[in-house]
């Protein structure tokens, strides 16, 4: 059970992680345009700006994860230990989605560099 005091932080965190994953999808969708232009020209600038936005979103999700973990830490003494462990694991899994989305951007940068 998610404690009511965590609802706002948890919702913000999940929302930002979803935004990060959606930004990764937008970035991936530009790959066909890059191939058509031979990884040159204006399309490179477009993809670079998408990657910067992706990095920013992932950084924000990391900050929200830290805030959420700190809030959970304050509450854990009054909670069932198994629930606390489960919530930390869920937070970790959701944060991992944003981390993987950022890796998409890193790989796209490698493609641009070559």
PDB file of N, CA and C in Angstrom:
ATOM      1  N   UNK A   1       0.852  -1.176   0.000  1.00  0.00           N
ATOM      2  CA  UNK A   1       0.000   0.000   0.000  1.00  0.00           C
ATOM      3  C   UNK A   1       0.896   1.237   0.000  1.00  0.00           C
ATOM      4  N   UNK A   2       0.590   2.131  -0.902  1.00  0.00           N
ATOM      5  CA  UNK A   2       1.338   3.381  -0.975  1.00  0.00           C
ATOM      6  C   UNK A   2       0.760   4.359   0.047  1.00  0.00           C
ATOM      7  N   UNK A   3       1.578   4.791   1.018  1.00  0.00           N
ATOM      8  CA  UNK A   3       1.076   5.747   2.017  1.00  0.00           C
ATOM      9  C   UNK A   3       0.602   7.041   1.343  1.00  0.00           C
ATOM     10  N   UNK A   4      -0.455   7.595   1.907  1.00  0.00           N
ATOM     11  CA  UNK A   4      -1.055   8.795   1.328  1.00  0.00           C
ATOM     12  C   UNK A   4      -0.067   9.962   1.249  1.00  0.00           C
ATOM     13  N   UNK A   5       0.861  10.033   2.196  1.00  0.00           N
ATOM     14  CA  UNK A   5       1.839  11.119   2.202  1.00  0.00           C
ATOM     15  C   UNK A   5       2.803  11.041   1.016  1.00  0.00           C
ATOM     16  N   UNK A   6       2.861   9.893   0.364  1.00  0.00           N
ATOM     17  CA  UNK A   6       3.761   9.723  -0.771  1.00  0.00           C
ATOM     18  C   UNK A   6       3.071   9.913  -2.120  1.00  0.00           C
ATOM     19  N   UNK A   7       1.758  10.020  -2.119  1.00  0.00           N
ATOM     20  CA  UNK A   7       1.009  10.084  -3.383  1.00  0.00           C
ATOM     21  C   UNK A   7       1.504  11.176  -4.321  1.00  0.00           C
ATOM     22  N   UNK A   8       1.665  12.368  -3.831  1.00  0.00           N
ATOM     23  CA  UNK A   8       2.062  13.485  -4.692  1.00  0.00           C
ATOM     24  C   UNK A   8       3.453  13.258  -5.280  1.00  0.00           C
ATOM     25  N   UNK A   9       4.421  12.909  -4.416  1.00  0.00           N
ATOM     26  CA  UNK A   9       5.785  12.667  -4.893  1.00  0.00           C
ATOM     27  C   UNK A   9       5.837  11.479  -5.848  1.00  0.00           C
ATOM     28  N   UNK A  10       5.090  10.435  -5.526  1.00  0.00           N
ATOM     29  CA  UNK A  10       5.090   9.235  -6.367  1.00  0.00           C
ATOM     30  C   UNK A  10       4.486   9.538  -7.735  1.00  0.00           C
ATOM     31  N   UNK A  11       3.396  10.262  -7.757  1.00  0.00           N
ATOM     32  CA  UNK A  11       2.747  10.613  -9.017  1.00  0.00           C
ATOM     33  C   UNK A  11       3.661  11.488  -9.871  1.00  0.00           C
ATOM     34  N   UNK A  12       4.316  12.452  -9.258  1.00  0.00           N
ATOM     35  CA  UNK A  12       5.255  13.312  -9.989  1.00  0.00           C
ATOM     36  C   UNK A  12       6.406  12.497 -10.571  1.00  0.00           C
ATOM     37  N   UNK A  13       6.922  11.581  -9.779  1.00  0.00           N
ATOM     38  CA  UNK A  13       8.033  10.737 -10.209  1.00  0.00           C
ATOM     39  C   UNK A  13       7.635   9.850 -11.389  1.00  0.00           C
ATOM     40  N   UNK A  14       6.502   9.178 -11.270  1.00  0.00           N
ATOM     41  CA  UNK A  14       6.039   8.304 -12.352  1.00  0.00           C
ATOM     42  C   UNK A  14       5.755   9.111 -13.609  1.00  0.00           C
ATOM     43  N   UNK A  15       5.149  10.245 -13.452  1.00  0.00           N
ATOM     44  CA  UNK A  15       4.831  11.098 -14.591  1.00  0.00           C
ATOM     45  C   UNK A  15       6.101  11.535 -15.333  1.00  0.00           C
ATOM     46  N   UNK A  16       7.131  11.934 -14.585  1.00  0.00           N
ATOM     47  CA  UNK A  16       8.384  12.366 -15.212  1.00  0.00           C
ATOM     48  C   UNK A  16       9.088  11.189 -15.895  1.00  0.00           C
ATOM     49  N   UNK A  17       8.999  10.007 -15.305  1.00  0.00           N
ATOM     50  CA  UNK A  17       9.588   8.824 -15.945  1.00  0.00           C
ATOM     51  C   UNK A  17       8.861   8.495 -17.249  1.00  0.00           C
ATOM     52  N   UNK A  18       7.559   8.630 -17.254  1.00  0.00           N
ATOM     53  CA  UNK A  18       6.780   8.408 -18.475  1.00  0.00           C
ATOM     54  C   UNK A  18       7.168   9.440 -19.532  1.00  0.00           C
ATOM     55  N   UNK A  19       7.322  10.693 -19.118  1.00  0.00           N
ATOM     56  CA  UNK A  19       7.756  11.736 -20.053  1.00  0.00           C
ATOM     57  C   UNK A  19       9.116  11.385 -20.670  1.00  0.00           C
ATOM     58  N   UNK A  20       9.999  10.839 -19.857  1.00  0.00           N
ATOM     59  CA  UNK A  20      11.333  10.471 -20.326  1.00  0.00           C
ATOM     60  C   UNK A  20      11.251   9.354 -21.357  1.00  0.00           C
ATOM     61  N   UNK A  21      10.447   8.350 -21.089  1.00  0.00           N
ATOM     62  CA  UNK A  21      10.286   7.239 -22.023  1.00  0.00           C
ATOM     63  C   UNK A  21       9.645   7.722 -23.327  1.00  0.00           C
ATOM     64  N   UNK A  22       8.663   8.600 -23.212  1.00  0.00           N
ATOM     65  CA  UNK A  22       8.024   9.140 -24.423  1.00  0.00           C
ATOM     66  C   UNK A  22       9.016   9.961 -25.247  1.00  0.00           C
ATOM     67  N   UNK A  23       9.898  10.697 -24.580  1.00  0.00           N
ATOM     68  CA  UNK A  23      10.917  11.468 -25.290  1.00  0.00           C
ATOM     69  C   UNK A  23      11.892  10.533 -26.002  1.00  0.00           C
ATOM     70  N   UNK A  24      12.215   9.410 -25.382  1.00  0.00           N
ATOM     71  CA  UNK A  24      13.079   8.424 -26.040  1.00  0.00           C
ATOM     72  C   UNK A  24      12.409   7.896 -27.303  1.00  0.00           C
ATOM     73  N   UNK A  25      11.107   7.681 -27.237  1.00  0.00           N
ATOM     74  CA  UNK A  25      10.364   7.209 -28.406  1.00  0.00           C
ATOM     75  C   UNK A  25      10.421   8.242 -29.534  1.00  0.00           C
ATOM     76  N   UNK A  26      10.232   9.506 -29.192  1.00  0.00           N
ATOM     77  CA  UNK A  26      10.306  10.581 -30.194  1.00  0.00           C
ATOM     78  C   UNK A  26      11.694  10.594 -30.832  1.00  0.00           C
ATOM     79  N   UNK A  27      12.718  10.424 -30.015  1.00  0.00           N
ATOM     80  CA  UNK A  27      14.088  10.423 -30.515  1.00  0.00           C
ATOM     81  C   UNK A  27      14.321   9.251 -31.465  1.00  0.00           C
ATOM     82  N   UNK A  28      13.841   8.083 -31.093  1.00  0.00           N
ATOM     83  CA  UNK A  28      13.991   6.896 -31.940  1.00  0.00           C
ATOM     84  C   UNK A  28      13.261   7.091 -33.268  1.00  0.00           C
ATOM     85  N   UNK A  29      12.117   7.732 -33.216  1.00  0.00           N
ATOM     86  CA  UNK A  29      11.339   7.943 -34.440  1.00  0.00           C
ATOM     87  C   UNK A  29      12.051   8.856 -35.438  1.00  0.00           C
ATOM     88  N   UNK A  30      13.038   9.598 -34.995  1.00  0.00           N
ATOM     89  CA  UNK A  30      13.804  10.456 -35.892  1.00  0.00           C
ATOM     90  C   UNK A  30      14.930   9.695 -36.600  1.00  0.00           C
ATOM     91  N   UNK A  31      15.156   8.455 -36.207  1.00  0.00           N
ATOM     92  CA  UNK A  31      16.245   7.679 -36.785  1.00  0.00           C
ATOM     93  C   UNK A  31      16.082   7.502 -38.295  1.00  0.00           C
ATOM     94  N   UNK A  32      14.869   7.263 -38.762  1.00  0.00           N
ATOM     95  CA  UNK A  32      14.673   7.091 -40.208  1.00  0.00           C
ATOM     96  C   UNK A  32      15.008   8.370 -40.973  1.00  0.00           C
ATOM     97  N   UNK A  33      14.698   9.525 -40.387  1.00  0.00           N
ATOM     98  CA  UNK A  33      15.050  10.801 -41.011  1.00  0.00           C
ATOM     99  C   UNK A  33      16.568  10.969 -41.081  1.00  0.00           C
ATOM    100  N   UNK A  34      17.244  10.545 -40.017  1.00  0.00           N
ATOM    101  CA  UNK A  34      18.706  10.628 -40.010  1.00  0.00           C
ATOM    102  C   UNK A  34      19.313   9.768 -41.115  1.00  0.00           C
ATOM    103  N   UNK A  35      18.780   8.583 -41.283  1.00  0.00           N
ATOM    104  CA  UNK A  35      19.283   7.681 -42.317  1.00  0.00           C
ATOM    105  C   UNK A  35      19.075   8.305 -43.696  1.00  0.00           C
ATOM    106  N   UNK A  36      17.910   8.880 -43.920  1.00  0.00           N
ATOM    107  CA  UNK A  36      17.615   9.507 -45.213  1.00  0.00           C
ATOM    108  C   UNK A  36      18.570  10.656 -45.524  1.00  0.00           C
ATOM    109  N   UNK A  37      18.959  11.410 -44.501  1.00  0.00           N
ATOM    110  CA  UNK A  37      19.845  12.555 -44.729  1.00  0.00           C
ATOM    111  C   UNK A  37      21.320  12.179 -44.631  1.00  0.00           C
ATOM    112  N   UNK A  38      21.595  10.912 -44.395  1.00  0.00           N
ATOM    113  CA  UNK A  38      22.988  10.489 -44.286  1.00  0.00           C
ATOM    114  C   UNK A  38      23.665  10.975 -43.016  1.00  0.00           C
ATOM    115  N   UNK A  39      22.894  11.152 -41.976  1.00  0.00           N
ATOM    116  CA  UNK A  39      23.395  11.625 -40.678  1.00  0.00           C
ATOM    117  C   UNK A  39      24.083  12.985 -40.811  1.00  0.00           C
ATOM    118  N   UNK A  40      23.512  13.841 -41.637  1.00  0.00           N
ATOM    119  CA  UNK A  40      24.066  15.178 -41.849  1.00  0.00           C
ATOM    120  C   UNK A  40      22.944  16.203 -41.887  1.00  0.00           C
ATOM    121  N   UNK A  41      23.345  17.457 -41.800  1.00  0.00           N
ATOM    122  CA  UNK A  41      22.409  18.547 -42.011  1.00  0.00           C
ATOM    123  C   UNK A  41      21.558  18.895 -40.810  1.00  0.00           C
ATOM    124  N   UNK A  42      20.413  19.485 -41.133  1.00  0.00           N
ATOM    125  CA  UNK A  42      19.497  20.013 -40.120  1.00  0.00           C
ATOM    126  C   UNK A  42      18.942  18.919 -39.201  1.00  0.00           C
ATOM    127  N   UNK A  43      18.760  17.728 -39.735  1.00  0.00           N
ATOM    128  CA  UNK A  43      18.191  16.628 -38.948  1.00  0.00           C
ATOM    129  C   UNK A  43      19.086  16.269 -37.761  1.00  0.00           C
ATOM    130  N   UNK A  44      20.394  16.409 -37.930  1.00  0.00           N
ATOM    131  CA  UNK A  44      21.331  16.144 -36.832  1.00  0.00           C
ATOM    132  C   UNK A  44      21.056  17.108 -35.683  1.00  0.00           C
ATOM    133  N   UNK A  45      20.836  18.370 -35.999  1.00  0.00           N
ATOM    134  CA  UNK A  45      20.540  19.384 -34.962  1.00  0.00           C
ATOM    135  C   UNK A  45      19.234  19.057 -34.243  1.00  0.00           C
ATOM    136  N   UNK A  46      18.246  18.593 -35.016  1.00  0.00           N
ATOM    137  CA  UNK A  46      16.954  18.224 -34.419  1.00  0.00           C
ATOM    138  C   UNK A  46      17.143  17.093 -33.424  1.00  0.00           C
ATOM    139  N   UNK A  47      17.869  16.068 -33.831  1.00  0.00           N
ATOM    140  CA  UNK A  47      18.091  14.910 -32.952  1.00  0.00           C
ATOM    141  C   UNK A  47      18.926  15.308 -31.740  1.00  0.00           C
ATOM    142  N   UNK A  48      19.914  16.148 -31.929  1.00  0.00           N
ATOM    143  CA  UNK A  48      20.724  16.606 -30.797  1.00  0.00           C
ATOM    144  C   UNK A  48      19.868  17.350 -29.773  1.00  0.00           C
ATOM    145  N   UNK A  49      18.937  18.155 -30.243  1.00  0.00           N
ATOM    146  CA  UNK A  49      18.059  18.870 -29.299  1.00  0.00           C
ATOM    147  C   UNK A  49      17.121  17.894 -28.592  1.00  0.00           C
ATOM    148  N   UNK A  50      16.671  16.864 -29.297  1.00  0.00           N
ATOM    149  CA  UNK A  50      15.821  15.850 -28.669  1.00  0.00           C
ATOM    150  C   UNK A  50      16.595  15.081 -27.594  1.00  0.00           C
ATOM    151  N   UNK A  51      17.857  14.801 -27.881  1.00  0.00           N
ATOM    152  CA  UNK A  51      18.693  14.092 -26.907  1.00  0.00           C
ATOM    153  C   UNK A  51      18.934  14.958 -25.681  1.00  0.00           C
ATOM    154  N   UNK A  52      19.163  16.243 -25.867  1.00  0.00           N
ATOM    155  CA  UNK A  52      19.347  17.153 -24.723  1.00  0.00           C
ATOM    156  C   UNK A  52      18.101  17.189 -23.841  1.00  0.00           C
ATOM    157  N   UNK A  53      16.934  17.226 -24.491  1.00  0.00           N
ATOM    158  CA  UNK A  53      15.689  17.228 -23.728  1.00  0.00           C
ATOM    159  C   UNK A  53      15.525  15.909 -22.970  1.00  0.00           C
ATOM    160  N   UNK A  54      15.896  14.810 -23.619  1.00  0.00           N
ATOM    161  CA  UNK A  54      15.829  13.502 -22.980  1.00  0.00           C
ATOM    162  C   UNK A  54      16.728  13.455 -21.756  1.00  0.00           C
ATOM    163  N   UNK A  55      17.945  13.956 -21.879  1.00  0.00           N
ATOM    164  CA  UNK A  55      18.866  13.997 -20.738  1.00  0.00           C
ATOM    165  C   UNK A  55      18.307  14.834 -19.598  1.00  0.00           C
ATOM    166  N   UNK A  56      17.704  15.964 -19.933  1.00  0.00           N
ATOM    167  CA  UNK A  56      17.120  16.852 -18.919  1.00  0.00           C
ATOM    168  C   UNK A  56      15.974  16.148 -18.180  1.00  0.00           C
ATOM    169  N   UNK A  57      15.115  15.477 -18.934  1.00  0.00           N
ATOM    170  CA  UNK A  57      13.988  14.771 -18.317  1.00  0.00           C
ATOM    171  C   UNK A  57      14.479  13.659 -17.401  1.00  0.00           C
ATOM    172  N   UNK A  58      15.507  12.937 -17.831  1.00  0.00           N
ATOM    173  CA  UNK A  58      16.026  11.849 -17.011  1.00  0.00           C
ATOM    174  C   UNK A  58      16.658  12.393 -15.742  1.00  0.00           C
ATOM    175  N   UNK A  59      17.341  13.513 -15.856  1.00  0.00           N
ATOM    176  CA  UNK A  59      17.937  14.143 -14.682  1.00  0.00           C
ATOM    177  C   UNK A  59      16.860  14.578 -13.689  1.00  0.00           C
ATOM    178  N   UNK A  60      15.769  15.128 -14.212  1.00  0.00           N
ATOM    179  CA  UNK A  60      14.646  15.518 -13.351  1.00  0.00           C
ATOM    180  C   UNK A  60      14.025  14.291 -12.677  1.00  0.00           C
ATOM    181  N   UNK A  61      13.923  13.191 -13.405  1.00  0.00           N
ATOM    182  CA  UNK A  61      13.349  11.982 -12.799  1.00  0.00           C
ATOM    183  C   UNK A  61      14.255  11.460 -11.689  1.00  0.00           C
ATOM    184  N   UNK A  62      15.590  11.585 -11.869  1.00  0.00           N
ATOM    185  CA  UNK A  62      16.518  11.181 -10.807  1.00  0.00           C
ATOM    186  C   UNK A  62      16.308  12.025  -9.548  1.00  0.00           C
ATOM    187  N   UNK A  63      16.141  13.323  -9.738  1.00  0.00           N
ATOM    188  CA  UNK A  63      15.921  14.210  -8.589  1.00  0.00           C
ATOM    189  C   UNK A  63      14.612  13.882  -7.876  1.00  0.00           C
ATOM    190  N   UNK A  64      13.573  13.589  -8.656  1.00  0.00           N
ATOM    191  CA  UNK A  64      12.291  13.216  -8.050  1.00  0.00           C
ATOM    192  C   UNK A  64      12.389  11.875  -7.335  1.00  0.00           C
ATOM    193  N   UNK A  65      13.195  10.958  -7.885  1.00  0.00           N
ATOM    194  CA  UNK A  65      13.388   9.666  -7.220  1.00  0.00           C
ATOM    195  C   UNK A  65      14.071   9.849  -5.877  1.00  0.00           C
ATOM    196  N   UNK A  66      15.065  10.703  -5.833  1.00  0.00           N
ATOM    197  CA  UNK A  66      15.767  10.974  -4.571  1.00  0.00           C
ATOM    198  C   UNK A  66      14.806  11.567  -3.548  1.00  0.00           C
ATOM    199  N   UNK A  67      13.987  12.503  -3.994  1.00  0.00           N
ATOM    200  CA  UNK A  67      13.006  13.133  -3.107  1.00  0.00           C
ATOM    201  C   UNK A  67      12.000  12.104  -2.591  1.00  0.00           C
ATOM    202  N   UNK A  68      11.541  11.223  -3.481  1.00  0.00           N
ATOM    203  CA  UNK A  68      10.572  10.193  -3.097  1.00  0.00           C
ATOM    204  C   UNK A  68      11.192   9.213  -2.106  1.00  0.00           C
ATOM    205  N   UNK A  69      12.408   8.794  -2.357  1.00  0.00           N
ATOM    206  CA  UNK A  69      13.093   7.873  -1.432  1.00  0.00           C
ATOM    207  C   UNK A  69      13.273   8.520  -0.050  1.00  0.00           C
ATOM    208  N   UNK A  70      13.597   9.808  -0.032  1.00  0.00           N
ATOM    209  CA  UNK A  70      13.768  10.507   1.248  1.00  0.00           C
ATOM    210  C   UNK A  70      12.438  10.571   2.007  1.00  0.00           C
ATOM    211  N   UNK A  71      11.354  10.794   1.281  1.00  0.00           N
ATOM    212  CA  UNK A  71      10.027  10.829   1.911  1.00  0.00           C
ATOM    213  C   UNK A  71       9.657   9.460   2.468  1.00  0.00           C
ATOM    214  N   UNK A  72       9.968   8.415   1.704  1.00  0.00           N
ATOM    215  CA  UNK A  72       9.682   7.054   2.172  1.00  0.00           C
ATOM    216  C   UNK A  72      10.529   6.720   3.386  1.00  0.00           C
ATOM    217  N   UNK A  73      11.780   7.133   3.384  1.00  0.00           N
ATOM    218  CA  UNK A  73      12.668   6.878   4.510  1.00  0.00           C
ATOM    219  C   UNK A  73      12.102   7.460   5.806  1.00  0.00           C
ATOM    220  N   UNK A  74      11.515   8.646   5.724  1.00  0.00           N
ATOM    221  CA  UNK A  74      10.932   9.292   6.904  1.00  0.00           C
ATOM    222  C   UNK A  74       9.734   8.514   7.444  1.00  0.00           C
ATOM    223  N   UNK A  75       9.039   7.822   6.554  1.00  0.00           N
ATOM    224  CA  UNK A  75       7.826   7.109   6.953  1.00  0.00           C
ATOM    225  C   UNK A  75       8.052   5.648   7.305  1.00  0.00           C
ATOM    226  N   UNK A  76       9.181   5.105   6.955  1.00  0.00           N
ATOM    227  CA  UNK A  76       9.339   3.647   7.035  1.00  0.00           C
ATOM    228  C   UNK A  76       9.286   3.070   8.446  1.00  0.00           C
ATOM    229  N   UNK A  77       9.601   3.872   9.453  1.00  0.00           N
ATOM    230  CA  UNK A  77       9.561   3.347  10.827  1.00  0.00           C
ATOM    231  C   UNK A  77       8.134   2.985  11.257  1.00  0.00           C
ATOM    232  N   UNK A  78       7.141   3.594  10.616  1.00  0.00           N
ATOM    233  CA  UNK A  78       5.745   3.331  10.960  1.00  0.00           C
ATOM    234  C   UNK A  78       5.069   2.353  10.001  1.00  0.00           C
ATOM    235  N   UNK A  79       5.859   1.748   9.113  1.00  0.00           N
ATOM    236  CA  UNK A  79       5.287   0.872   8.091  1.00  0.00           C
ATOM    237  C   UNK A  79       5.761  -0.563   8.271  1.00  0.00           C
ATOM    238  N   UNK A  80       5.053  -1.451   7.613  1.00  0.00           N
ATOM    239  CA  UNK A  80       5.442  -2.849   7.567  1.00  0.00           C
ATOM    240  C   UNK A  80       6.754  -2.952   6.770  1.00  0.00           C
ATOM    241  N   UNK A  81       7.768  -3.624   7.321  1.00  0.00           N
ATOM    242  CA  UNK A  81       9.062  -3.701   6.642  1.00  0.00           C
ATOM    243  C   UNK A  81       8.998  -4.316   5.234  1.00  0.00           C
ATOM    244  N   UNK A  82       8.127  -5.290   5.049  1.00  0.00           N
ATOM    245  CA  UNK A  82       8.003  -5.914   3.728  1.00  0.00           C
ATOM    246  C   UNK A  82       7.440  -4.909   2.728  1.00  0.00           C
ATOM    247  N   UNK A  83       6.472  -4.121   3.146  1.00  0.00           N
ATOM    248  CA  UNK A  83       5.915  -3.088   2.264  1.00  0.00           C
ATOM    249  C   UNK A  83       6.974  -2.048   1.909  1.00  0.00           C
ATOM    250  N   UNK A  84       7.799  -1.686   2.876  1.00  0.00           N
ATOM    251  CA  UNK A  84       8.860  -0.706   2.639  1.00  0.00           C
ATOM    252  C   UNK A  84       9.831  -1.244   1.593  1.00  0.00           C
ATOM    253  N   UNK A  85      10.254  -2.491   1.759  1.00  0.00           N
ATOM    254  CA  UNK A  85      11.180  -3.096   0.799  1.00  0.00           C
ATOM    255  C   UNK A  85      10.551  -3.158  -0.591  1.00  0.00           C
ATOM    256  N   UNK A  86       9.280  -3.518  -0.637  1.00  0.00           N
ATOM    257  CA  UNK A  86       8.587  -3.595  -1.917  1.00  0.00           C
ATOM    258  C   UNK A  86       8.498  -2.216  -2.573  1.00  0.00           C
ATOM    259  N   UNK A  87       8.178  -1.194  -1.804  1.00  0.00           N
ATOM    260  CA  UNK A  87       8.074   0.161  -2.358  1.00  0.00           C
ATOM    261  C   UNK A  87       9.427   0.653  -2.889  1.00  0.00           C
ATOM    262  N   UNK A  88      10.499   0.363  -2.150  1.00  0.00           N
ATOM    263  CA  UNK A  88      11.823   0.742  -2.665  1.00  0.00           C
ATOM    264  C   UNK A  88      12.116   0.029  -3.987  1.00  0.00           C
ATOM    265  N   UNK A  89      11.710  -1.237  -4.080  1.00  0.00           N
ATOM    266  CA  UNK A  89      11.929  -1.991  -5.312  1.00  0.00           C
ATOM    267  C   UNK A  89      11.110  -1.421  -6.464  1.00  0.00           C
ATOM    268  N   UNK A  90       9.871  -1.054  -6.204  1.00  0.00           N
ATOM    269  CA  UNK A  90       9.013  -0.456  -7.237  1.00  0.00           C
ATOM    270  C   UNK A  90       9.602   0.879  -7.702  1.00  0.00           C
ATOM    271  N   UNK A  91      10.047   1.681  -6.764  1.00  0.00           N
ATOM    272  CA  UNK A  91      10.674   2.959  -7.113  1.00  0.00           C
ATOM    273  C   UNK A  91      11.902   2.711  -7.987  1.00  0.00           C
ATOM    274  N   UNK A  92      12.694   1.717  -7.624  1.00  0.00           N
ATOM    275  CA  UNK A  92      13.882   1.381  -8.401  1.00  0.00           C
ATOM    276  C   UNK A  92      13.515   0.946  -9.826  1.00  0.00           C
ATOM    277  N   UNK A  93      12.499   0.114  -9.957  1.00  0.00           N
ATOM    278  CA  UNK A  93      12.079  -0.371 -11.281  1.00  0.00           C
ATOM    279  C   UNK A  93      11.596   0.778 -12.156  1.00  0.00           C
ATOM    280  N   UNK A  94      10.812   1.666 -11.586  1.00  0.00           N
ATOM    281  CA  UNK A  94      10.288   2.799 -12.359  1.00  0.00           C
ATOM    282  C   UNK A  94      11.438   3.731 -12.760  1.00  0.00           C
ATOM    283  N   UNK A  95      12.346   3.988 -11.838  1.00  0.00           N
ATOM    284  CA  UNK A  95      13.510   4.809 -12.148  1.00  0.00           C
ATOM    285  C   UNK A  95      14.381   4.178 -13.219  1.00  0.00           C
ATOM    286  N   UNK A  96      14.436   2.854 -13.232  1.00  0.00           N
ATOM    287  CA  UNK A  96      15.220   2.143 -14.243  1.00  0.00           C
ATOM    288  C   UNK A  96      14.662   2.373 -15.646  1.00  0.00           C
ATOM    289  N   UNK A  97      13.359   2.545 -15.751  1.00  0.00           N
ATOM    290  CA  UNK A  97      12.766   2.850 -17.057  1.00  0.00           C
ATOM    291  C   UNK A  97      13.330   4.152 -17.615  1.00  0.00           C
ATOM    292  N   UNK A  98      13.411   5.163 -16.776  1.00  0.00           N
ATOM    293  CA  UNK A  98      13.957   6.449 -17.216  1.00  0.00           C
ATOM    294  C   UNK A  98      15.444   6.317 -17.559  1.00  0.00           C
ATOM    295  N   UNK A  99      16.176   5.518 -16.783  1.00  0.00           N
ATOM    296  CA  UNK A  99      17.594   5.310 -17.066  1.00  0.00           C
ATOM    297  C   UNK A  99      17.793   4.628 -18.417  1.00  0.00           C
ATOM    298  N   UNK A 100      16.968   3.652 -18.702  1.00  0.00           N
ATOM    299  CA  UNK A 100      17.065   2.951 -19.992  1.00  0.00           C
ATOM    300  C   UNK A 100      16.690   3.875 -21.143  1.00  0.00           C
ATOM    301  N   UNK A 101      15.728   4.730 -20.908  1.00  0.00           N
ATOM    302  CA  UNK A 101      15.352   5.700 -21.940  1.00  0.00           C
ATOM    303  C   UNK A 101      16.520   6.640 -22.227  1.00  0.00           C
ATOM    304  N   UNK A 102      17.245   7.035 -21.195  1.00  0.00           N
ATOM    305  CA  UNK A 102      18.398   7.905 -21.398  1.00  0.00           C
ATOM    306  C   UNK A 102      19.483   7.195 -22.201  1.00  0.00           C
ATOM    307  N   UNK A 103      19.625   5.889 -21.983  1.00  0.00           N
ATOM    308  CA  UNK A 103      20.614   5.128 -22.756  1.00  0.00           C
ATOM    309  C   UNK A 103      20.306   5.154 -24.245  1.00  0.00           C
ATOM    310  N   UNK A 104      19.021   5.241 -24.587  1.00  0.00           N
ATOM    311  CA  UNK A 104      18.640   5.381 -25.993  1.00  0.00           C
ATOM    312  C   UNK A 104      19.277   6.643 -26.562  1.00  0.00           C
ATOM    313  N   UNK A 105      19.187   7.718 -25.815  1.00  0.00           N
ATOM    314  CA  UNK A 105      19.786   8.970 -26.247  1.00  0.00           C
ATOM    315  C   UNK A 105      21.296   8.865 -26.368  1.00  0.00           C
ATOM    316  N   UNK A 106      21.918   8.171 -25.437  1.00  0.00           N
ATOM    317  CA  UNK A 106      23.369   7.998 -25.490  1.00  0.00           C
ATOM    318  C   UNK A 106      23.781   7.215 -26.734  1.00  0.00           C
ATOM    319  N   UNK A 107      23.019   6.220 -27.060  1.00  0.00           N
ATOM    320  CA  UNK A 107      23.336   5.424 -28.256  1.00  0.00           C
ATOM    321  C   UNK A 107      23.101   6.219 -29.532  1.00  0.00           C
ATOM    322  N   UNK A 108      22.080   7.065 -29.515  1.00  0.00           N
ATOM    323  CA  UNK A 108      21.843   7.921 -30.676  1.00  0.00           C
ATOM    324  C   UNK A 108      23.011   8.901 -30.849  1.00  0.00           C
ATOM    325  N   UNK A 109      23.534   9.400 -29.740  1.00  0.00           N
ATOM    326  CA  UNK A 109      24.701  10.294 -29.807  1.00  0.00           C
ATOM    327  C   UNK A 109      25.899   9.582 -30.429  1.00  0.00           C
ATOM    328  N   UNK A 110      26.057   8.307 -30.082  1.00  0.00           N
ATOM    329  CA  UNK A 110      27.151   7.542 -30.680  1.00  0.00           C
ATOM    330  C   UNK A 110      26.969   7.414 -32.191  1.00  0.00           C
ATOM    331  N   UNK A 111      25.738   7.218 -32.609  1.00  0.00           N
ATOM    332  CA  UNK A 111      25.466   7.124 -34.040  1.00  0.00           C
ATOM    333  C   UNK A 111      25.795   8.442 -34.738  1.00  0.00           C
ATOM    334  N   UNK A 112      25.479   9.544 -34.090  1.00  0.00           N
ATOM    335  CA  UNK A 112      25.754  10.853 -34.667  1.00  0.00           C
ATOM    336  C   UNK A 112      27.251  11.147 -34.735  1.00  0.00           C
ATOM    337  N   UNK A 113      27.994  10.613 -33.762  1.00  0.00           N
ATOM    338  CA  UNK A 113      29.414  10.888 -33.685  1.00  0.00           C
ATOM    339  C   UNK A 113      30.206  10.164 -34.780  1.00  0.00           C
ATOM    340  N   UNK A 114      29.668   9.051 -35.258  1.00  0.00           N
ATOM    341  CA  UNK A 114      30.404   8.260 -36.247  1.00  0.00           C
ATOM    342  C   UNK A 114      30.184   8.723 -37.619  1.00  0.00           C
TER     343      UNK A 114
END
